[in-house]
Structures are given as structure tokens and as C-alpha cells.
Amino acid sequence: MPFDLQSSFEPAGDQPTAIKSLVDGLRSGEPEMVLKGVTGSGKTFTMANVIQQLNRPTLVISHNKTLAAQLYSEFKEFFPRNSVNYFVSYYDYYQPEAYIPQRDIYIEKDA
């Protein structure tokens, strides 16, 4: 099912250029791209347009739970006919088991 962006807004200001640049870069195989903007500048809406144009499953990662919940809510509104899911990890810290042969040190898994 294609991503079906629902919004009463149209891209404005720098958004059309940013959308085109991101879509072109990702389609050409660019491995990393960054969208920067001040709070309230429409980054989420810009990314919703990129997601719609690329029409590919997308993973959005946030550095905190509050922003993750906000992004989930906004993407649910932008894509009401598409699957938008929300996952929060409750691990604050995780140390996988490891062995450092040069120093003969074993580190136990810790969570």
C-alpha cells in the first residue's frame, strides 16, 4: 500500500528544496543525510513528504521517549491509512558480554 500523506498543509519556504534534495540523495544511494532545522520549522512534515515520495518502509529513531511519542502521534496523523508503530526500549544501559584477549579480561553482560 502506498504511503498516503494526509495534510491540509503544502510544503513551503525551504521545505520543497529540502524534500527534493533528500529524495534525490536517497534515491541515488546516499548512505547518510541530515535534515536540520529549528524547533517548529516543519522537519516532521518535511520527512513525511520524503517518506511519501520514496514510498519505502521507514524507521524513525528518537533520542528520548517524549519526542518519540510526539513523532508517533504526528506520523499517525500524517499517515492515517498506513501502519505507524511505536516502540520504546526501557533499557537505560546495556553492556553485552565481551572478552578482551590482549588483557585476558572477561566482561559479563549487564543490563
N, C-alpha and C. Protein backbone atom coordinates (compact mmCIF):
# COMPACT_ATOMS: atom_id res chain seq x y z
N MET A 1 0.85 -1.19 0.00
CA MET A 1 0.00 0.00 0.00
C MET A 1 0.89 1.25 0.00
N PRO A 2 0.67 2.16 -0.91
CA PRO A 2 1.47 3.38 -0.96
C PRO A 2 1.25 4.25 0.28
N PHE A 3 2.29 4.99 0.65
CA PHE A 3 2.16 5.94 1.75
C PHE A 3 1.27 7.08 1.27
N ASP A 4 0.22 7.35 2.02
CA ASP A 4 -0.80 8.33 1.64
C ASP A 4 -0.80 9.46 2.65
N LEU A 5 -0.01 10.50 2.37
CA LEU A 5 0.13 11.64 3.28
C LEU A 5 -1.14 12.46 3.30
N GLN A 6 -1.71 12.65 4.48
CA GLN A 6 -2.90 13.46 4.67
C GLN A 6 -2.52 14.72 5.44
N SER A 7 -2.68 15.87 4.82
CA SER A 7 -2.38 17.13 5.49
C SER A 7 -3.05 18.28 4.74
N SER A 8 -3.47 19.27 5.51
CA SER A 8 -4.03 20.46 4.87
C SER A 8 -2.93 21.43 4.46
N PHE A 9 -1.69 21.12 4.85
CA PHE A 9 -0.54 21.98 4.53
C PHE A 9 0.12 21.53 3.23
N GLU A 10 0.77 22.45 2.58
CA GLU A 10 1.61 22.17 1.43
C GLU A 10 3.03 22.58 1.81
N PRO A 11 4.04 21.90 1.31
CA PRO A 11 5.41 22.32 1.61
C PRO A 11 5.62 23.78 1.21
N ALA A 12 6.31 24.52 2.08
CA ALA A 12 6.52 25.95 1.84
C ALA A 12 7.94 26.33 2.27
N GLY A 13 8.35 27.53 1.90
CA GLY A 13 9.66 28.04 2.29
C GLY A 13 10.78 27.16 1.75
N ASP A 14 11.65 26.70 2.65
CA ASP A 14 12.77 25.84 2.27
C ASP A 14 12.38 24.37 2.13
N GLN A 15 11.16 24.03 2.52
CA GLN A 15 10.75 22.62 2.53
C GLN A 15 10.81 21.95 1.15
N PRO A 16 10.28 22.55 0.08
CA PRO A 16 10.34 21.87 -1.22
C PRO A 16 11.77 21.53 -1.65
N THR A 17 12.70 22.46 -1.42
CA THR A 17 14.10 22.21 -1.77
C THR A 17 14.68 21.10 -0.92
N ALA A 18 14.38 21.12 0.38
CA ALA A 18 14.88 20.08 1.29
C ALA A 18 14.31 18.71 0.90
N ILE A 19 13.03 18.66 0.60
CA ILE A 19 12.38 17.39 0.21
C ILE A 19 13.04 16.84 -1.05
N LYS A 20 13.21 17.69 -2.06
CA LYS A 20 13.83 17.24 -3.32
C LYS A 20 15.25 16.76 -3.08
N SER A 21 16.01 17.50 -2.30
CA SER A 21 17.40 17.13 -2.03
C SER A 21 17.49 15.79 -1.30
N LEU A 22 16.64 15.60 -0.30
CA LEU A 22 16.64 14.34 0.45
C LEU A 22 16.20 13.17 -0.43
N VAL A 23 15.14 13.35 -1.17
CA VAL A 23 14.63 12.28 -2.04
C VAL A 23 15.68 11.92 -3.10
N ASP A 24 16.25 12.93 -3.76
CA ASP A 24 17.26 12.68 -4.79
C ASP A 24 18.48 11.97 -4.20
N GLY A 25 18.92 12.42 -3.04
CA GLY A 25 20.09 11.81 -2.40
C GLY A 25 19.84 10.37 -2.02
N LEU A 26 18.70 10.10 -1.41
CA LEU A 26 18.39 8.73 -1.00
C LEU A 26 18.19 7.81 -2.20
N ARG A 27 17.57 8.32 -3.24
CA ARG A 27 17.37 7.51 -4.46
C ARG A 27 18.69 7.20 -5.16
N SER A 28 19.66 8.10 -5.02
CA SER A 28 20.96 7.88 -5.67
C SER A 28 21.90 7.05 -4.79
N GLY A 29 21.41 6.60 -3.64
CA GLY A 29 22.21 5.71 -2.80
C GLY A 29 23.02 6.38 -1.72
N GLU A 30 22.76 7.64 -1.47
CA GLU A 30 23.46 8.35 -0.40
C GLU A 30 23.22 7.60 0.91
N PRO A 31 24.29 7.18 1.62
CA PRO A 31 24.08 6.38 2.82
C PRO A 31 23.61 7.18 4.04
N GLU A 32 23.96 8.45 4.11
CA GLU A 32 23.59 9.27 5.26
C GLU A 32 23.21 10.67 4.79
N MET A 33 22.13 11.18 5.36
CA MET A 33 21.73 12.55 5.07
C MET A 33 21.18 13.15 6.35
N VAL A 34 21.27 14.46 6.49
CA VAL A 34 20.82 15.14 7.70
C VAL A 34 19.86 16.26 7.32
N LEU A 35 18.76 16.34 8.04
CA LEU A 35 17.82 17.45 7.90
C LEU A 35 17.90 18.25 9.19
N LYS A 36 18.36 19.50 9.08
CA LYS A 36 18.49 20.35 10.26
C LYS A 36 17.48 21.48 10.18
N GLY A 37 16.96 21.86 11.35
CA GLY A 37 16.04 22.98 11.41
C GLY A 37 15.69 23.30 12.85
N VAL A 38 15.30 24.52 13.09
CA VAL A 38 14.93 24.93 14.45
C VAL A 38 13.60 24.29 14.83
N THR A 39 13.30 24.30 16.11
CA THR A 39 12.05 23.77 16.62
C THR A 39 10.88 24.46 15.92
N GLY A 40 9.93 23.66 15.46
CA GLY A 40 8.73 24.21 14.83
C GLY A 40 8.89 24.60 13.37
N SER A 41 10.01 24.21 12.75
CA SER A 41 10.24 24.61 11.36
C SER A 41 9.64 23.64 10.35
N GLY A 42 9.06 22.53 10.82
CA GLY A 42 8.39 21.61 9.92
C GLY A 42 9.23 20.43 9.48
N LYS A 43 10.20 20.02 10.31
CA LYS A 43 11.05 18.88 9.95
C LYS A 43 10.23 17.60 9.82
N THR A 44 9.29 17.37 10.73
CA THR A 44 8.48 16.15 10.69
C THR A 44 7.63 16.13 9.42
N PHE A 45 7.02 17.25 9.09
CA PHE A 45 6.21 17.34 7.87
C PHE A 45 7.09 17.14 6.63
N THR A 46 8.29 17.72 6.66
CA THR A 46 9.23 17.53 5.55
C THR A 46 9.55 16.05 5.38
N MET A 47 9.84 15.37 6.49
CA MET A 47 10.16 13.95 6.41
C MET A 47 8.95 13.12 5.98
N ALA A 48 7.75 13.52 6.38
CA ALA A 48 6.55 12.82 5.93
C ALA A 48 6.44 12.89 4.40
N ASN A 49 6.78 14.03 3.84
CA ASN A 49 6.76 14.18 2.38
C ASN A 49 7.84 13.31 1.73
N VAL A 50 9.00 13.22 2.35
CA VAL A 50 10.07 12.36 1.83
C VAL A 50 9.62 10.90 1.87
N ILE A 51 9.03 10.49 2.98
CA ILE A 51 8.54 9.11 3.13
C ILE A 51 7.51 8.80 2.04
N GLN A 52 6.59 9.74 1.82
CA GLN A 52 5.56 9.52 0.79
C GLN A 52 6.20 9.37 -0.59
N GLN A 53 7.13 10.25 -0.91
CA GLN A 53 7.74 10.20 -2.25
C GLN A 53 8.59 8.95 -2.46
N LEU A 54 9.31 8.52 -1.43
CA LEU A 54 10.14 7.32 -1.55
C LEU A 54 9.30 6.05 -1.49
N ASN A 55 8.17 6.13 -0.78
CA ASN A 55 7.24 5.01 -0.63
C ASN A 55 7.96 3.73 -0.18
N ARG A 56 8.77 3.90 0.89
CA ARG A 56 9.52 2.77 1.45
C ARG A 56 9.29 2.72 2.95
N PRO A 57 9.31 1.53 3.54
CA PRO A 57 9.21 1.44 5.00
C PRO A 57 10.32 2.29 5.63
N THR A 58 9.98 2.96 6.71
CA THR A 58 10.90 3.92 7.31
C THR A 58 10.98 3.71 8.81
N LEU A 59 12.20 3.75 9.34
CA LEU A 59 12.42 3.67 10.78
C LEU A 59 12.84 5.05 11.25
N VAL A 60 12.08 5.61 12.18
CA VAL A 60 12.39 6.91 12.76
C VAL A 60 12.86 6.66 14.19
N ILE A 61 14.04 7.14 14.53
CA ILE A 61 14.62 6.93 15.85
C ILE A 61 14.72 8.26 16.56
N SER A 62 14.38 8.25 17.84
CA SER A 62 14.45 9.46 18.66
C SER A 62 15.35 9.22 19.86
N HIS A 63 15.97 10.29 20.35
CA HIS A 63 16.87 10.16 21.49
C HIS A 63 16.16 10.16 22.84
N ASN A 64 14.86 10.48 22.85
CA ASN A 64 14.14 10.40 24.13
C ASN A 64 12.69 9.99 23.90
N LYS A 65 12.05 9.51 24.97
CA LYS A 65 10.71 8.94 24.87
C LYS A 65 9.64 9.99 24.59
N THR A 66 9.84 11.20 25.09
CA THR A 66 8.86 12.26 24.87
C THR A 66 8.78 12.62 23.39
N LEU A 67 9.94 12.81 22.78
CA LEU A 67 9.96 13.13 21.35
C LEU A 67 9.46 11.95 20.52
N ALA A 68 9.79 10.72 20.94
CA ALA A 68 9.31 9.53 20.22
C ALA A 68 7.79 9.50 20.20
N ALA A 69 7.16 9.79 21.34
CA ALA A 69 5.70 9.80 21.41
C ALA A 69 5.12 10.90 20.53
N GLN A 70 5.76 12.06 20.51
CA GLN A 70 5.29 13.18 19.67
C GLN A 70 5.40 12.81 18.19
N LEU A 71 6.52 12.23 17.80
CA LEU A 71 6.71 11.84 16.40
C LEU A 71 5.69 10.78 15.99
N TYR A 72 5.46 9.81 16.86
CA TYR A 72 4.47 8.77 16.59
C TYR A 72 3.10 9.39 16.33
N SER A 73 2.70 10.31 17.21
CA SER A 73 1.39 10.95 17.09
C SER A 73 1.28 11.73 15.77
N GLU A 74 2.33 12.47 15.44
CA GLU A 74 2.29 13.27 14.21
C GLU A 74 2.29 12.39 12.96
N PHE A 75 3.11 11.34 12.96
CA PHE A 75 3.13 10.45 11.79
C PHE A 75 1.82 9.68 11.65
N LYS A 76 1.17 9.35 12.78
CA LYS A 76 -0.15 8.70 12.73
C LYS A 76 -1.16 9.62 12.04
N GLU A 77 -1.08 10.92 12.34
CA GLU A 77 -2.00 11.88 11.71
C GLU A 77 -1.66 12.06 10.22
N PHE A 78 -0.38 12.11 9.90
CA PHE A 78 0.02 12.28 8.50
C PHE A 78 -0.31 11.06 7.65
N PHE A 79 -0.24 9.87 8.26
CA PHE A 79 -0.45 8.62 7.51
C PHE A 79 -1.54 7.76 8.17
N PRO A 80 -2.79 8.25 8.20
CA PRO A 80 -3.85 7.51 8.90
C PRO A 80 -4.21 6.17 8.25
N ARG A 81 -3.89 6.01 6.98
CA ARG A 81 -4.24 4.76 6.28
C ARG A 81 -3.07 3.77 6.22
N ASN A 82 -1.95 4.17 6.81
CA ASN A 82 -0.76 3.33 6.79
C ASN A 82 -0.42 2.86 8.20
N SER A 83 0.38 1.83 8.26
CA SER A 83 0.81 1.29 9.56
C SER A 83 1.91 2.18 10.13
N VAL A 84 1.63 2.79 11.27
CA VAL A 84 2.61 3.59 12.00
C VAL A 84 2.69 2.97 13.39
N ASN A 85 3.88 2.54 13.78
CA ASN A 85 4.05 1.84 15.05
C ASN A 85 5.02 2.57 15.96
N TYR A 86 4.95 2.22 17.24
CA TYR A 86 5.70 2.91 18.28
C TYR A 86 6.34 1.88 19.18
N PHE A 87 7.64 1.96 19.36
CA PHE A 87 8.35 1.06 20.26
C PHE A 87 9.30 1.88 21.12
N VAL A 88 9.29 1.61 22.42
CA VAL A 88 10.20 2.27 23.34
C VAL A 88 10.97 1.19 24.09
N SER A 89 12.27 1.30 24.10
CA SER A 89 13.10 0.40 24.89
C SER A 89 13.26 1.00 26.28
N TYR A 90 13.11 0.18 27.28
CA TYR A 90 13.25 0.67 28.64
C TYR A 90 14.64 0.43 29.21
N TYR A 91 15.57 0.03 28.36
CA TYR A 91 16.95 -0.13 28.81
C TYR A 91 17.61 1.24 28.84
N ASP A 92 18.10 1.62 30.02
CA ASP A 92 18.86 2.85 30.12
C ASP A 92 20.34 2.57 29.84
N TYR A 93 20.72 1.31 30.04
CA TYR A 93 22.12 0.93 29.91
C TYR A 93 22.19 -0.54 29.54
N TYR A 94 23.08 -0.89 28.65
CA TYR A 94 23.27 -2.30 28.31
C TYR A 94 24.73 -2.53 27.99
N GLN A 95 25.31 -3.50 28.65
CA GLN A 95 26.69 -3.91 28.38
C GLN A 95 26.67 -5.37 27.94
N PRO A 96 26.91 -5.63 26.66
CA PRO A 96 26.94 -7.04 26.24
C PRO A 96 28.20 -7.72 26.79
N GLU A 97 28.15 -9.05 26.85
CA GLU A 97 29.35 -9.73 27.33
C GLU A 97 30.46 -9.52 26.31
N ALA A 98 31.68 -9.47 26.83
CA ALA A 98 32.82 -9.21 25.95
C ALA A 98 34.07 -9.86 26.53
N TYR A 99 34.99 -10.12 25.65
CA TYR A 99 36.29 -10.65 26.06
C TYR A 99 37.36 -9.84 25.36
N ILE A 100 38.35 -9.37 26.15
CA ILE A 100 39.45 -8.60 25.60
C ILE A 100 40.70 -9.47 25.71
N PRO A 101 41.07 -10.14 24.61
CA PRO A 101 42.17 -11.12 24.69
C PRO A 101 43.53 -10.51 25.04
N GLN A 102 43.79 -9.28 24.61
CA GLN A 102 45.09 -8.66 24.89
C GLN A 102 45.34 -8.53 26.40
N ARG A 103 44.26 -8.38 27.16
CA ARG A 103 44.39 -8.19 28.61
C ARG A 103 43.78 -9.35 29.38
N ASP A 104 43.30 -10.38 28.67
CA ASP A 104 42.67 -11.56 29.27
C ASP A 104 41.57 -11.13 30.25
N ILE A 105 40.69 -10.24 29.77
CA ILE A 105 39.60 -9.73 30.60
C ILE A 105 38.27 -10.18 30.02
N TYR A 106 37.44 -10.73 30.88
CA TYR A 106 36.08 -11.11 30.50
C TYR A 106 35.12 -10.13 31.19
N ILE A 107 34.20 -9.55 30.43
CA ILE A 107 33.20 -8.62 30.98
C ILE A 107 31.84 -9.29 30.86
N GLU A 108 31.16 -9.47 31.99
CA GLU A 108 29.84 -10.10 31.98
C GLU A 108 28.80 -9.16 31.40
N LYS A 109 27.76 -9.77 30.84
CA LYS A 109 26.63 -8.99 30.34
C LYS A 109 25.97 -8.28 31.52
N ASP A 110 25.58 -7.01 31.33
CA ASP A 110 24.94 -6.22 32.38
C ASP A 110 23.85 -5.39 31.73
N ALA A 111 22.67 -5.42 32.33
CA ALA A 111 21.57 -4.62 31.79
C ALA A 111 20.87 -3.87 32.89
